Amino acid sequence: MQTIFRKDFQGVFYPSKTNEKAMIIVSGSDGGIKWANKIASVYSAHGISSLAVAYWKTKYTSKTLALIPIEIIQSAVLWLKNNGYSKVGIYGVSKGAELALISGSLITKIEFVIAVSPSCCVFEGIAMPHYANASSWTWSGKPLMYASFHNISVSIIKNILKKHEFGFVEQYLDVLEKNRNEENTIKVENINGPILLLSAKEDAQWPSAEMGKMICDRLNNKKFAFSFHHEIFYPASHILCPVKTKMVLAYRMERQYKKECEVARRQALKISLDWIERL
């Protein structure tokens, strides 16, 4: 394990015995690097060198999930390339899946993408407990066009009382219907390699299964040059990555189908490992 602290990015590197493939790991709206570290350590133990990267909510990164420079990922890719890794990919969870797909569409040195609980477009940034009135991401100093929540009613309390769980799936579906357009849709067809999408059929956080289908439709329509696969799990929750966290209790599916959700996480890990092995 190697801690990396540079001006252009901060992360923790978990090497394996081979320098053929390496994978950048980014977590989601939880922020920090704790989850990314856990995921990176799992993949490293299975023979895939992994670099957990912090992009927000740490001492030296943004305190809000808004206007995050994609260049953080570009710097991490170059670091891996300069350290001898011939094939570099990226693995992202939830908001990190959005970042992974966007990064892959912009950075040609990224040669495969795994998006867990993915997004099909750039959403408005988050400045808890509100939305940021700004894009989540920037590239070359310019904010990316985004799907806004400005005309969408969002209430955490109402969601919890109505659904007995934490999530915004109805609001995100509303945003997709009203505010998604070509400009804020992720140009996944520009990704320079295969794509693996993993989602839960009844994701309560946001509609990852529906957005995964939208991504696949776009790839088909654009005649994407590489292979892609979308695996949908049921029963399963938003948390399909290999981490142990009490946060799973926020989701009804996890409370009702505890063992099945754990099985789904193990299956998602195996599917991703087998998929990477074939690259």
Protein backbone atom coordinates (compact mmCIF):
# COMPACT_ATOMS: atom_id res chain seq x y z
CA MET A 1 0.00 0.00 0.00
CA GLN A 2 1.31 3.43 -0.97
CA THR A 3 -0.17 6.78 0.03
CA ILE A 4 0.07 9.37 -2.73
CA PHE A 5 -0.13 13.05 -1.93
CA ARG A 6 0.38 15.31 -4.92
CA LYS A 7 -0.85 18.70 -5.94
CA ASP A 8 -2.88 17.22 -8.80
CA PHE A 9 -4.42 14.25 -6.93
CA GLN A 10 -4.43 12.34 -3.66
CA GLY A 11 -4.95 8.62 -3.30
CA VAL A 12 -3.84 5.27 -1.94
CA PHE A 13 -2.32 2.65 -4.24
CA TYR A 14 -2.88 -1.06 -3.65
CA PRO A 15 -0.48 -2.98 -5.91
CA SER A 16 -0.80 -6.58 -7.04
CA LYS A 17 1.78 -8.94 -8.51
CA THR A 18 1.20 -7.89 -12.12
CA ASN A 19 1.65 -4.54 -13.82
CA GLU A 20 -0.48 -5.34 -16.85
CA LYS A 21 -3.81 -3.87 -15.65
CA ALA A 22 -4.63 -1.25 -13.07
CA MET A 23 -7.89 0.32 -12.00
CA ILE A 24 -8.77 3.69 -10.48
CA ILE A 25 -11.45 3.44 -7.77
CA VAL A 26 -13.82 6.31 -6.93
CA SER A 27 -16.72 6.15 -4.49
CA GLY A 28 -19.86 8.29 -4.47
CA SER A 29 -21.67 10.96 -2.51
CA ASP A 30 -20.32 9.52 0.75
CA GLY A 31 -17.16 11.49 -0.02
CA GLY A 32 -13.68 10.98 1.35
CA ILE A 33 -11.68 7.91 0.45
CA LYS A 34 -12.78 5.27 3.00
CA TRP A 35 -15.04 3.31 0.65
CA ALA A 36 -12.63 3.61 -2.26
CA ASN A 37 -9.87 2.20 -0.05
CA LYS A 38 -12.02 -0.79 0.92
CA ILE A 39 -12.92 -1.53 -2.70
CA ALA A 40 -9.34 -1.07 -3.91
CA SER A 41 -8.01 -3.48 -1.28
CA VAL A 42 -10.52 -6.15 -2.39
CA TYR A 43 -9.57 -5.91 -6.07
CA SER A 44 -5.87 -5.81 -5.23
CA ALA A 45 -6.28 -9.04 -3.25
CA HIS A 46 -7.77 -10.57 -6.41
CA GLY A 47 -4.76 -9.57 -8.52
CA ILE A 48 -5.82 -6.18 -9.89
CA SER A 49 -3.65 -3.24 -8.88
CA SER A 50 -6.01 -0.51 -7.70
CA LEU A 51 -5.66 3.19 -6.99
CA ALA A 52 -8.24 4.68 -4.63
CA VAL A 53 -8.63 8.37 -5.49
CA ALA A 54 -10.16 11.10 -3.34
CA TYR A 55 -12.06 13.76 -5.26
CA TRP A 56 -14.14 15.49 -2.59
CA LYS A 57 -14.78 15.81 1.16
CA THR A 58 -11.20 15.41 2.32
CA LYS A 59 -8.81 17.94 3.86
CA TYR A 60 -7.33 18.94 0.51
CA THR A 61 -10.31 18.49 -1.82
CA SER A 62 -13.62 20.27 -2.33
CA LYS A 63 -16.02 20.37 0.63
CA THR A 64 -18.99 20.09 -1.74
CA LEU A 65 -19.68 17.68 -4.58
CA ALA A 66 -19.73 20.46 -7.14
CA LEU A 67 -17.36 21.75 -9.82
CA ILE A 68 -14.94 18.84 -9.31
CA PRO A 69 -12.15 18.88 -11.94
CA ILE A 70 -12.06 15.73 -14.09
CA GLU A 71 -8.32 16.42 -14.35
CA ILE A 72 -7.97 14.71 -10.94
CA ILE A 73 -8.72 11.44 -12.73
CA GLN A 74 -6.50 12.35 -15.68
CA SER A 75 -3.57 12.84 -13.29
CA ALA A 76 -4.25 9.48 -11.64
CA VAL A 77 -4.31 7.78 -15.05
CA LEU A 78 -0.96 9.33 -15.99
CA TRP A 79 0.53 8.27 -12.65
CA LEU A 80 -0.42 4.64 -13.32
CA LYS A 81 0.86 4.82 -16.90
CA ASN A 82 4.16 6.31 -15.72
CA ASN A 83 4.47 3.45 -13.23
CA GLY A 84 4.35 0.85 -15.99
CA TYR A 85 0.70 -0.18 -16.21
CA SER A 86 -0.19 -0.88 -19.82
CA LYS A 87 -4.00 -0.96 -19.45
CA VAL A 88 -5.74 1.47 -17.10
CA GLY A 89 -9.43 1.44 -16.27
CA ILE A 90 -11.76 3.08 -13.80
CA TYR A 91 -14.36 1.71 -11.36
CA GLY A 92 -16.95 4.06 -9.90
CA VAL A 93 -19.87 3.66 -7.51
CA SER A 94 -23.04 5.80 -7.71
CA LYS A 95 -21.89 9.41 -8.14
CA GLY A 96 -18.46 7.91 -8.72
CA ALA A 97 -19.97 5.84 -11.55
CA GLU A 98 -21.10 9.11 -13.12
CA LEU A 99 -17.52 10.37 -12.73
CA ALA A 100 -16.11 7.13 -14.16
CA LEU A 101 -18.26 7.24 -17.29
CA ILE A 102 -17.58 10.94 -17.88
CA SER A 103 -13.84 10.44 -17.34
CA GLY A 104 -13.81 7.54 -19.77
CA SER A 105 -15.59 9.65 -22.37
CA LEU A 106 -12.99 12.42 -22.08
CA ILE A 107 -9.70 10.65 -21.31
CA THR A 108 -8.60 8.28 -24.08
CA LYS A 109 -5.98 6.56 -21.91
CA ILE A 110 -8.83 5.01 -19.90
CA GLU A 111 -9.38 1.66 -21.63
CA PHE A 112 -12.22 0.12 -19.62
CA VAL A 113 -14.98 1.35 -17.31
CA ILE A 114 -16.95 -0.37 -14.55
CA ALA A 115 -19.93 1.71 -13.43
CA VAL A 116 -21.77 0.42 -10.34
CA SER A 117 -25.24 1.94 -9.85
CA PRO A 118 -24.57 4.21 -12.84
CA SER A 119 -25.85 7.52 -14.13
CA CYS A 120 -26.60 8.29 -17.77
CA CYS A 121 -26.11 12.04 -17.51
CA VAL A 122 -24.32 14.82 -15.64
CA PHE A 123 -26.44 15.80 -12.66
CA GLU A 124 -26.43 18.99 -10.64
CA GLY A 125 -23.81 19.10 -7.90
CA ILE A 126 -24.53 18.59 -4.21
CA ALA A 127 -23.89 21.05 -1.39
CA MET A 128 -25.59 19.26 1.50
CA PRO A 129 -28.33 19.58 2.52
CA HIS A 130 -29.15 21.28 -0.80
CA TYR A 131 -28.25 21.00 -4.45
CA ALA A 132 -25.43 23.26 -5.58
CA ASN A 133 -26.97 25.26 -8.43
CA ALA A 134 -23.86 24.25 -10.37
CA SER A 135 -22.49 21.30 -12.28
CA SER A 136 -20.91 18.40 -10.45
CA TRP A 137 -17.87 18.45 -12.75
CA THR A 138 -15.53 20.67 -14.76
CA TRP A 139 -13.20 19.94 -17.67
CA SER A 140 -10.50 22.33 -18.88
CA GLY A 141 -11.79 24.85 -16.36
CA LYS A 142 -15.34 24.85 -17.72
CA PRO A 143 -18.42 23.38 -15.97
CA LEU A 144 -20.05 20.48 -17.79
CA MET A 145 -23.67 20.96 -18.79
CA TYR A 146 -25.94 19.34 -16.22
CA ALA A 147 -29.48 18.19 -15.50
CA SER A 148 -30.83 20.55 -12.86
CA PHE A 149 -33.10 20.00 -9.86
CA HIS A 150 -34.29 23.62 -9.88
CA ASN A 151 -37.91 22.74 -10.77
CA ILE A 152 -38.01 19.44 -8.86
CA SER A 153 -39.50 19.03 -5.38
CA VAL A 154 -37.01 17.25 -3.11
CA SER A 155 -37.70 16.43 0.55
CA ILE A 156 -35.59 13.91 2.46
CA ILE A 157 -38.16 13.76 5.29
CA LYS A 158 -41.07 13.11 2.91
CA ASN A 159 -39.10 10.40 1.15
CA ILE A 160 -38.29 8.64 4.42
CA LEU A 161 -41.88 8.87 5.70
CA LYS A 162 -43.34 7.66 2.39
CA LYS A 163 -40.90 4.90 1.51
CA HIS A 164 -39.34 4.10 4.92
CA GLU A 165 -35.91 4.39 3.37
CA PHE A 166 -33.34 6.92 2.21
CA GLY A 167 -33.49 7.65 -1.50
CA PHE A 168 -34.48 9.97 -4.30
CA VAL A 169 -35.47 7.64 -7.13
CA GLU A 170 -38.74 9.45 -7.91
CA GLN A 171 -37.03 12.84 -8.01
CA TYR A 172 -34.29 11.57 -10.32
CA LEU A 173 -36.88 10.05 -12.64
CA ASP A 174 -38.56 13.46 -12.68
CA VAL A 175 -35.26 15.15 -13.57
CA LEU A 176 -34.61 12.65 -16.35
CA GLU A 177 -38.05 13.30 -17.82
CA LYS A 178 -37.98 17.09 -17.55
CA ASN A 179 -34.36 18.20 -17.70
CA ARG A 180 -32.22 15.58 -19.44
CA ASN A 181 -31.07 16.57 -22.92
CA GLU A 182 -28.31 15.80 -25.40
CA GLU A 183 -25.97 18.40 -23.90
CA ASN A 184 -26.00 16.92 -20.39
CA THR A 185 -26.11 13.26 -21.46
CA ILE A 186 -22.79 11.47 -20.97
CA LYS A 187 -21.14 10.73 -24.33
CA VAL A 188 -20.47 7.12 -23.43
CA GLU A 189 -19.86 6.26 -27.08
CA ASN A 190 -16.52 8.09 -26.80
CA ILE A 191 -15.17 5.68 -24.18
CA ASN A 192 -12.03 3.98 -25.50
CA GLY A 193 -12.80 0.44 -24.37
CA PRO A 194 -15.34 -2.01 -22.95
CA ILE A 195 -17.97 -0.98 -20.39
CA LEU A 196 -19.53 -2.99 -17.56
CA LEU A 197 -22.67 -1.66 -15.86
CA LEU A 198 -23.95 -3.16 -12.59
CA SER A 199 -27.28 -2.02 -11.17
CA ALA A 200 -30.13 -3.01 -8.85
CA LYS A 201 -33.61 -3.44 -10.30
CA GLU A 202 -35.15 -1.65 -7.31
CA ASP A 203 -32.43 0.90 -6.55
CA ALA A 204 -34.03 3.38 -4.13
CA GLN A 205 -31.24 5.96 -4.28
CA TRP A 206 -31.59 6.74 -7.97
CA PRO A 207 -32.89 4.76 -10.98
CA SER A 208 -29.62 3.07 -11.89
CA ALA A 209 -31.25 0.16 -13.76
CA GLU A 210 -33.26 2.55 -15.95
CA MET A 211 -30.21 4.75 -16.52
CA GLY A 212 -28.11 1.70 -17.36
CA LYS A 213 -30.66 0.79 -20.02
CA MET A 214 -30.47 4.34 -21.38
CA ILE A 215 -26.69 4.02 -21.58
CA CYS A 216 -26.99 0.72 -23.48
CA ASP A 217 -29.56 2.20 -25.86
CA ARG A 218 -27.20 5.06 -26.62
CA LEU A 219 -24.26 2.70 -27.17
CA ASN A 220 -26.33 0.64 -29.58
CA ASN A 221 -27.62 3.69 -31.44
CA LYS A 222 -24.11 5.14 -31.73
CA LYS A 223 -22.71 1.76 -32.88
CA PHE A 224 -20.19 1.65 -30.02
CA ALA A 225 -16.93 0.06 -31.16
CA PHE A 226 -16.34 -2.03 -28.02
CA SER A 227 -18.25 -4.60 -25.99
CA PHE A 228 -20.58 -3.59 -23.17
CA HIS A 229 -22.72 -5.46 -20.67
CA HIS A 230 -25.42 -4.42 -18.20
CA GLU A 231 -26.12 -6.78 -15.30
CA ILE A 232 -29.27 -6.05 -13.26
CA PHE A 233 -29.61 -7.63 -9.80
CA TYR A 234 -32.70 -8.51 -7.78
CA PRO A 235 -33.05 -8.55 -4.83
CA ALA A 236 -30.34 -5.95 -4.40
CA SER A 237 -29.82 -2.36 -3.29
CA HIS A 238 -27.91 0.71 -4.44
CA ILE A 239 -24.84 -0.66 -2.66
CA LEU A 240 -23.49 -3.31 -5.03
CA CYS A 241 -19.82 -2.71 -4.30
CA PRO A 242 -17.75 -5.01 -2.04
CA VAL A 243 -17.92 -3.02 1.21
CA LYS A 244 -19.37 -3.74 4.63
CA THR A 245 -21.27 -0.76 5.97
CA LYS A 246 -24.22 -0.08 8.25
CA MET A 247 -25.47 2.32 5.58
CA VAL A 248 -27.17 -0.62 3.90
CA LEU A 249 -29.84 -0.47 6.62
CA ALA A 250 -31.09 2.78 5.07
CA TYR A 251 -32.55 0.72 2.22
CA ARG A 252 -35.72 -1.36 2.48
CA MET A 253 -34.35 -4.06 0.15
CA GLU A 254 -31.40 -4.60 2.49
CA ARG A 255 -33.67 -4.95 5.53
CA GLN A 256 -36.11 -7.32 3.82
CA TYR A 257 -33.57 -9.35 1.83
CA LYS A 258 -30.38 -9.14 3.87
CA LYS A 259 -28.82 -12.42 2.71
CA GLU A 260 -29.91 -11.94 -0.90
CA CYS A 261 -28.36 -8.46 -1.01
CA GLU A 262 -25.10 -9.86 0.34
CA VAL A 263 -25.22 -12.53 -2.37
CA ALA A 264 -25.81 -9.83 -5.00
CA ARG A 265 -22.68 -7.99 -3.85
CA ARG A 266 -20.62 -11.18 -4.10
CA GLN A 267 -22.07 -11.90 -7.55
CA ALA A 268 -21.30 -8.35 -8.70
CA LEU A 269 -17.71 -8.75 -7.55
CA LYS A 270 -17.31 -12.09 -9.33
CA ILE A 271 -18.88 -10.78 -12.54
CA SER A 272 -16.51 -7.80 -12.52
CA LEU A 273 -13.44 -9.95 -11.81
CA ASP A 274 -14.32 -12.39 -14.61
CA TRP A 275 -14.99 -9.47 -16.95
CA ILE A 276 -11.63 -7.83 -16.18
CA GLU A 277 -9.85 -11.17 -16.66
CA ARG A 278 -11.21 -11.37 -20.22
CA LEU A 279 -9.99 -7.90 -21.21
